[in-house]
């Protein structure tokens, strides 16, 4: 996880302020993690993939720089990413059926 001071914030429509973190950069995408403000559990965090179309995307072994992705994130695409984001955890433990 990035240093909190490096994260931008996103204010959701319900007023919640999420920390926006860039992780796992690849050649053509990076994982964007929305950290829930309570910080007690990662289950409330959300994630989405940010598709990258820079020159790195054409190189299989390339990797976009995290700071480059951070600079590319603007209010509009962060809002779109949050809208399609998914929960990191569902809050339930897996069910185990008896054999």
Protein backbone atom coordinates (compact mmCIF):
# COMPACT_ATOMS: atom_id res chain seq x y z
CA UNK A 1 0.00 0.00 0.00
CA UNK A 2 1.21 3.49 -0.76
CA UNK A 3 1.91 6.14 1.78
CA UNK A 4 -1.36 7.88 2.67
CA UNK A 5 0.20 11.25 1.87
CA UNK A 6 0.75 10.09 -1.74
CA UNK A 7 -2.91 9.15 -2.18
CA UNK A 8 -5.49 11.40 -3.69
CA UNK A 9 -8.96 11.38 -2.19
CA UNK A 10 -12.33 10.77 -3.74
CA UNK A 11 -15.58 12.03 -2.23
CA UNK A 12 -18.42 9.63 -3.02
CA UNK A 13 -22.00 10.79 -3.49
CA UNK A 14 -22.81 9.72 0.09
CA UNK A 15 -20.09 12.05 1.41
CA UNK A 16 -17.55 9.33 2.23
CA UNK A 17 -13.94 10.34 1.56
CA UNK A 18 -11.99 7.41 0.09
CA UNK A 19 -8.21 7.18 -0.28
CA UNK A 20 -7.26 6.37 -3.88
CA UNK A 21 -4.18 4.18 -4.25
CA UNK A 22 -2.39 2.85 -7.36
CA UNK A 23 -1.02 -0.68 -7.08
CA UNK A 24 0.22 -3.54 -9.29
CA UNK A 25 1.10 -1.56 -12.41
CA UNK A 26 1.44 -3.64 -15.54
CA UNK A 27 2.02 -2.85 -19.18
CA UNK A 28 -1.62 -2.09 -19.96
CA UNK A 29 -3.34 -1.58 -16.59
CA UNK A 30 -2.97 -0.78 -12.92
CA UNK A 31 -5.04 -1.73 -9.90
CA UNK A 32 -6.80 1.22 -8.30
CA UNK A 33 -7.74 0.61 -4.66
CA UNK A 34 -10.28 2.79 -2.86
CA UNK A 35 -9.47 2.65 0.85
CA UNK A 36 -12.46 3.05 3.16
CA UNK A 37 -11.86 5.80 5.72
CA UNK A 38 -12.52 3.71 8.84
CA UNK A 39 -9.26 1.81 8.24
CA UNK A 40 -10.29 -1.07 10.51
CA UNK A 41 -10.71 -3.69 7.80
CA UNK A 42 -9.86 -4.09 4.14
CA UNK A 43 -13.26 -5.73 3.54
CA UNK A 44 -14.80 -2.30 3.00
CA UNK A 45 -12.13 -1.28 0.48
CA UNK A 46 -13.00 -1.33 -3.19
CA UNK A 47 -10.95 -1.90 -6.34
CA UNK A 48 -11.08 -1.38 -10.09
CA UNK A 49 -8.67 -1.81 -12.99
CA UNK A 50 -7.45 1.32 -14.80
CA UNK A 51 -6.64 0.56 -18.44
CA UNK A 52 -3.47 2.16 -19.73
CA UNK A 53 -2.86 2.93 -23.39
CA UNK A 54 0.59 4.56 -23.23
CA UNK A 55 3.69 3.24 -25.00
CA UNK A 56 4.25 0.64 -22.25
CA UNK A 57 1.02 -1.11 -23.26
CA UNK A 58 2.58 -2.46 -26.45
CA UNK A 59 5.44 -4.15 -24.60
CA UNK A 60 4.65 -7.45 -22.90
CA UNK A 61 7.42 -6.97 -20.36
CA UNK A 62 6.75 -3.24 -19.91
CA UNK A 63 5.32 -1.64 -16.83
CA UNK A 64 3.82 1.78 -16.42
CA UNK A 65 5.24 3.87 -13.60
CA UNK A 66 2.91 4.31 -10.59
CA UNK A 67 3.51 8.07 -10.54
CA UNK A 68 2.58 8.25 -14.23
CA UNK A 69 -0.74 6.53 -13.46
CA UNK A 70 -1.32 8.86 -10.49
CA UNK A 71 -0.83 11.88 -12.75
CA UNK A 72 -3.22 10.40 -15.34
CA UNK A 73 -6.02 10.00 -12.80
CA UNK A 74 -8.39 12.94 -12.94
CA UNK A 75 -11.70 13.57 -11.17
CA UNK A 76 -13.73 12.16 -14.05
CA UNK A 77 -11.91 8.85 -14.45
CA UNK A 78 -11.63 8.35 -10.67
CA UNK A 79 -15.41 8.81 -10.41
CA UNK A 80 -15.92 6.31 -13.25
CA UNK A 81 -13.53 3.81 -11.65
CA UNK A 82 -15.31 4.11 -8.31
CA UNK A 83 -18.69 3.60 -9.99
CA UNK A 84 -17.57 0.27 -11.46
CA UNK A 85 -15.40 -0.77 -8.50
CA UNK A 86 -15.96 -3.97 -6.55
CA UNK A 87 -15.60 -4.78 -2.89
CA UNK A 88 -12.27 -6.29 -1.88
CA UNK A 89 -14.14 -8.66 0.45
CA UNK A 90 -17.76 -9.65 0.77
CA UNK A 91 -17.77 -9.66 4.57
CA UNK A 92 -18.59 -13.35 4.85
CA UNK A 93 -16.44 -16.35 5.44
CA UNK A 94 -16.62 -19.10 2.81
CA UNK A 95 -19.23 -21.71 3.52
CA UNK A 96 -17.98 -25.25 3.99
CA UNK A 97 -20.36 -28.05 3.24
CA UNK A 98 -20.17 -31.38 5.06
CA UNK A 99 -18.88 -34.23 2.93
